[in-house]
Amino acid sequence: MKWSEFFTSSVGKKLVMALSGLFLISFLVVHVGLNACIWANDGGVMFNKAAHFMGSNVVPRILEIGLFAGFLLHIIQGFALEFQNRSKRKMGYQVPMGSKGSKWYSKSMGLLGTLLLLFLIMHISHFWVPSRITGLEEMHIDVTNGSIVSAGAPNAKEYHDLFGRMKAVFTHNPLVVILYILGCISLAWHLLHGFQSAFRTLGVSNFRYIGLIKALGTGFSIIVPLAFAMMPVSFYMGWI
């Protein structure tokens, strides 16, 4: 395959989707692990420290640029493949496939991807924009013992209070919580097909490995979106 065909041919588009998808899956692992710090029940100290590390160090900031590039590639190529597939399906099957055909979520990746894009825009406006552009309130933490202190206290260090932002977003409006839950459900269905599809596209077709990848993909598609969904629920219910 020529380099010029990598982003234009059907095979090239699928490879881009697979590689960018696996990159975004690795991001989800980091993101869910960092966000899980909210359950430390320490008033947000651990979470804000972790968020500060990710936002202030050079390597994570460079990776953040790669992350946005990965999102753009995945979204653009996803829509391109969807339009390409739709143009080839001008006539449906004369005999309905029923349960013998593909699963509904594998045939609805365009719809699920669109819902996730809308969810991503909402998520960025709630957290990334305040964190990077408009600014957040500060939390002051004593670097010697990790306790929350007032501004100007000895050994106090300022951290963006992203934990406080999460609390404000998720505790005042149940509609926002519901939208986040729906976004996580869309993510689960999207991953259920996308996880194993990425490995198939990259040539992992051995029956033994496919079974393992399918099991890992199913577990990942349930556990990670469920963990994300429990975060707004935990704030709204007052569990943290």
Protein backbone atom coordinates (compact mmCIF):
# COMPACT_ATOMS: atom_id res chain seq x y z
CA MET A 1 0.00 0.00 0.00
CA LYS A 2 1.28 3.43 -0.97
CA TRP A 3 1.58 6.04 1.78
CA SER A 4 -0.86 8.25 -0.13
CA GLU A 5 -3.47 5.45 0.08
CA PHE A 6 -3.12 5.02 3.84
CA PHE A 7 -5.82 7.60 4.58
CA THR A 8 -7.91 7.14 1.43
CA SER A 9 -8.22 3.42 0.66
CA SER A 10 -10.70 1.20 2.49
CA VAL A 11 -7.91 -0.91 4.02
CA GLY A 12 -5.95 2.19 5.01
CA LYS A 13 -8.96 3.76 6.70
CA LYS A 14 -9.57 0.58 8.69
CA LEU A 15 -5.92 0.49 9.78
CA VAL A 16 -6.12 4.12 10.92
CA MET A 17 -9.33 3.31 12.82
CA ALA A 18 -7.70 0.29 14.47
CA LEU A 19 -4.48 2.04 15.51
CA SER A 20 -6.19 5.24 16.70
CA GLY A 21 -8.81 3.12 18.49
CA LEU A 22 -6.18 1.16 20.41
CA PHE A 23 -4.43 4.43 21.31
CA LEU A 24 -7.71 5.81 22.67
CA ILE A 25 -8.31 2.58 24.59
CA SER A 26 -4.94 3.05 26.30
CA PHE A 27 -6.02 6.61 27.15
CA LEU A 28 -9.22 5.27 28.74
CA VAL A 29 -7.12 3.04 31.01
CA VAL A 30 -5.10 6.04 32.24
CA HIS A 31 -8.16 8.28 32.48
CA VAL A 32 -10.27 5.84 34.50
CA GLY A 33 -7.32 5.10 36.79
CA LEU A 34 -6.72 8.79 37.49
CA ASN A 35 -10.41 9.54 37.98
CA ALA A 36 -10.75 6.62 40.36
CA CYS A 37 -8.75 8.72 42.85
CA ILE A 38 -12.01 10.54 43.65
CA TRP A 39 -13.01 7.51 45.72
CA ALA A 40 -10.11 8.07 48.11
CA ASN A 41 -12.62 10.16 50.11
CA ASP A 42 -9.94 12.67 51.11
CA GLY A 43 -11.74 15.76 49.85
CA GLY A 44 -10.10 15.51 46.44
CA VAL A 45 -6.47 15.74 47.57
CA MET A 46 -5.23 12.62 45.75
CA PHE A 47 -7.26 13.34 42.63
CA ASN A 48 -6.16 16.97 42.37
CA LYS A 49 -2.52 15.97 42.85
CA ALA A 50 -2.80 13.37 40.09
CA ALA A 51 -4.58 15.84 37.79
CA HIS A 52 -1.90 18.46 38.54
CA PHE A 53 0.84 15.98 37.58
CA MET A 54 -0.89 15.19 34.28
CA GLY A 55 -1.47 18.86 33.51
CA SER A 56 1.88 20.34 34.49
CA ASN A 57 4.48 17.88 33.19
CA VAL A 58 5.88 18.04 29.67
CA VAL A 59 5.33 14.41 28.64
CA PRO A 60 1.60 14.25 29.53
CA ARG A 61 1.04 17.61 27.81
CA ILE A 62 2.72 16.35 24.63
CA LEU A 63 0.63 13.18 24.82
CA GLU A 64 -2.44 15.38 25.20
CA ILE A 65 -1.74 16.83 21.74
CA GLY A 66 -1.42 13.28 20.42
CA LEU A 67 -4.69 12.43 22.13
CA PHE A 68 -6.58 15.19 20.33
CA ALA A 69 -4.97 14.10 17.06
CA GLY A 70 -6.04 10.52 17.78
CA PHE A 71 -9.62 11.64 18.43
CA LEU A 72 -9.71 13.64 15.19
CA LEU A 73 -8.29 10.79 13.12
CA HIS A 74 -10.66 8.27 14.66
CA ILE A 75 -13.70 10.51 14.16
CA ILE A 76 -12.87 11.57 10.60
CA GLN A 77 -11.98 8.08 9.41
CA GLY A 78 -14.98 6.64 11.24
CA PHE A 79 -17.39 8.94 9.41
CA ALA A 80 -15.55 8.31 6.13
CA LEU A 81 -15.95 4.55 6.52
CA GLU A 82 -19.59 4.95 7.52
CA PHE A 83 -20.39 7.02 4.41
CA GLN A 84 -18.40 4.61 2.25
CA ASN A 85 -20.27 1.60 3.60
CA ARG A 86 -23.64 3.30 3.21
CA SER A 87 -22.90 4.16 -0.41
CA LYS A 88 -22.21 0.48 -1.09
CA ARG A 89 -25.47 -0.62 0.56
CA LYS A 90 -27.90 0.99 -1.85
CA MET A 91 -29.93 -2.23 -1.85
CA GLY A 92 -30.63 -4.28 1.24
CA TYR A 93 -30.62 -8.04 1.52
CA GLN A 94 -33.58 -9.68 -0.24
CA VAL A 95 -33.74 -12.21 2.59
CA PRO A 96 -33.52 -10.73 6.13
CA MET A 97 -30.41 -11.97 7.92
CA GLY A 98 -32.01 -11.95 11.36
CA SER A 99 -29.76 -13.29 14.09
CA LYS A 100 -27.31 -14.62 11.48
CA GLY A 101 -26.20 -11.11 10.59
CA SER A 102 -23.91 -8.81 12.52
CA LYS A 103 -24.84 -7.63 15.99
CA TRP A 104 -26.83 -4.41 16.05
CA TYR A 105 -24.02 -2.47 17.72
CA SER A 106 -21.50 -3.54 15.08
CA LYS A 107 -23.87 -2.18 12.42
CA SER A 108 -24.49 1.01 14.42
CA MET A 109 -20.92 2.17 15.01
CA GLY A 110 -21.63 5.41 13.13
CA LEU A 111 -24.59 6.24 15.37
CA LEU A 112 -22.74 5.25 18.54
CA GLY A 113 -19.71 7.25 17.41
CA THR A 114 -21.88 10.31 16.80
CA LEU A 115 -23.40 10.03 20.28
CA LEU A 116 -19.90 9.71 21.74
CA LEU A 117 -18.78 12.79 19.80
CA LEU A 118 -21.62 14.82 21.33
CA PHE A 119 -20.75 13.40 24.75
CA LEU A 120 -17.08 14.30 24.22
CA ILE A 121 -17.97 17.90 23.36
CA MET A 122 -20.03 18.16 26.56
CA HIS A 123 -17.24 16.58 28.61
CA ILE A 124 -14.59 18.94 27.20
CA SER A 125 -16.78 21.97 27.90
CA HIS A 126 -17.35 20.83 31.49
CA PHE A 127 -13.75 20.02 32.42
CA TRP A 128 -11.01 20.60 29.83
CA VAL A 129 -12.04 24.16 28.96
CA PRO A 130 -12.20 25.34 32.62
CA SER A 131 -8.98 23.49 33.42
CA ARG A 132 -6.97 24.80 30.48
CA ILE A 133 -8.65 28.06 29.39
CA THR A 134 -11.14 29.77 31.67
CA GLY A 135 -9.55 28.71 34.96
CA LEU A 136 -10.56 26.85 38.11
CA GLU A 137 -10.64 27.66 41.78
CA GLU A 138 -7.53 26.68 43.72
CA MET A 139 -7.14 24.10 46.47
CA HIS A 140 -4.25 24.58 48.90
CA ILE A 141 -2.60 21.40 50.14
CA ASP A 142 0.08 21.07 52.81
CA VAL A 143 2.93 19.27 51.03
CA THR A 144 4.20 17.78 54.30
CA ASN A 145 1.07 15.89 55.36
CA GLY A 146 -1.36 16.14 52.42
CA SER A 147 -4.05 18.02 54.32
CA ILE A 148 -6.20 20.80 52.88
CA VAL A 149 -5.16 24.17 54.30
CA SER A 150 -5.98 27.82 53.74
CA ALA A 151 -4.11 30.09 51.33
CA GLY A 152 -0.89 31.43 52.78
CA ALA A 153 -0.47 28.57 55.26
CA PRO A 154 3.07 27.23 55.75
CA ASN A 155 4.08 24.50 53.25
CA ALA A 156 0.91 25.16 51.23
CA LYS A 157 0.91 24.47 47.49
CA GLU A 158 -1.78 25.50 45.02
CA TYR A 159 -3.59 22.93 42.90
CA HIS A 160 -6.44 23.44 40.45
CA ASP A 161 -9.54 22.15 42.25
CA LEU A 162 -10.78 19.85 39.48
CA PHE A 163 -12.42 17.70 42.17
CA GLY A 164 -14.52 20.71 43.20
CA ARG A 165 -15.45 21.26 39.55
CA MET A 166 -16.63 17.65 39.25
CA LYS A 167 -18.68 18.05 42.40
CA ALA A 168 -20.29 21.24 41.09
CA VAL A 169 -21.13 19.67 37.72
CA PHE A 170 -22.59 16.43 39.05
CA THR A 171 -24.45 17.46 42.20
CA HIS A 172 -26.75 20.22 40.98
CA ASN A 173 -28.38 18.89 37.82
CA PRO A 174 -29.63 15.29 37.55
CA LEU A 175 -30.03 15.73 33.77
CA VAL A 176 -26.24 16.09 33.43
CA VAL A 177 -25.78 12.87 35.41
CA ILE A 178 -28.26 11.07 33.14
CA LEU A 179 -26.50 12.36 30.00
CA TYR A 180 -23.15 11.11 31.32
CA ILE A 181 -24.64 7.71 32.07
CA LEU A 182 -26.08 7.53 28.54
CA GLY A 183 -22.68 8.54 27.17
CA CYS A 184 -21.03 5.71 29.13
CA ILE A 185 -23.62 3.24 27.82
CA SER A 186 -22.83 4.36 24.25
CA LEU A 187 -19.12 3.93 25.03
CA ALA A 188 -19.74 0.38 26.27
CA TRP A 189 -21.54 -0.66 23.07
CA HIS A 190 -18.93 1.09 20.92
CA LEU A 191 -16.08 -0.72 22.69
CA LEU A 192 -17.84 -4.07 22.58
CA HIS A 193 -17.36 -4.19 18.83
CA GLY A 194 -14.41 -1.82 18.41
CA PHE A 195 -12.02 -3.56 20.84
CA GLN A 196 -11.88 -6.91 19.07
CA SER A 197 -12.41 -5.36 15.63
CA ALA A 198 -9.17 -3.37 16.01
CA PHE A 199 -7.15 -6.54 16.62
CA ARG A 200 -8.82 -8.34 13.71
CA THR A 201 -7.94 -5.44 11.42
CA LEU A 202 -4.30 -5.70 12.52
CA GLY A 203 -4.25 -9.38 11.56
CA VAL A 204 -4.78 -11.12 14.90
CA SER A 205 -6.97 -13.92 13.58
CA ASN A 206 -5.70 -17.01 15.41
CA PHE A 207 -8.69 -18.72 17.02
CA ARG A 208 -6.96 -19.05 20.38
CA TYR A 209 -6.01 -15.38 20.54
CA ILE A 210 -9.35 -14.16 19.21
CA GLY A 211 -11.14 -15.93 22.06
CA LEU A 212 -8.87 -14.25 24.60
CA ILE A 213 -9.21 -10.83 22.94
CA LYS A 214 -13.00 -11.20 22.79
CA ALA A 215 -13.11 -12.02 26.51
CA LEU A 216 -10.80 -9.11 27.37
CA GLY A 217 -12.79 -6.79 25.15
CA THR A 218 -16.09 -7.77 26.76
CA GLY A 219 -14.67 -7.27 30.25
CA PHE A 220 -13.10 -3.94 29.30
CA SER A 221 -16.32 -2.77 27.62
CA ILE A 222 -18.24 -3.41 30.84
CA ILE A 223 -15.82 -2.46 33.61
CA VAL A 224 -14.40 0.82 32.24
CA PRO A 225 -17.71 2.46 31.17
CA LEU A 226 -19.31 1.26 34.40
CA ALA A 227 -16.52 2.88 36.43
CA PHE A 228 -16.95 6.13 34.48
CA ALA A 229 -20.73 6.04 34.97
CA MET A 230 -20.37 5.51 38.73
CA MET A 231 -18.37 8.73 39.09
CA PRO A 232 -21.23 11.21 38.43
CA VAL A 233 -23.60 8.88 40.29
CA SER A 234 -21.28 8.85 43.33
CA PHE A 235 -21.15 12.64 43.40
CA TYR A 236 -24.89 13.08 42.93
CA MET A 237 -25.76 10.49 45.58
CA GLY A 238 -23.32 12.05 48.06
CA TRP A 239 -21.17 8.93 48.39
CA ILE A 240 -17.99 10.99 48.11
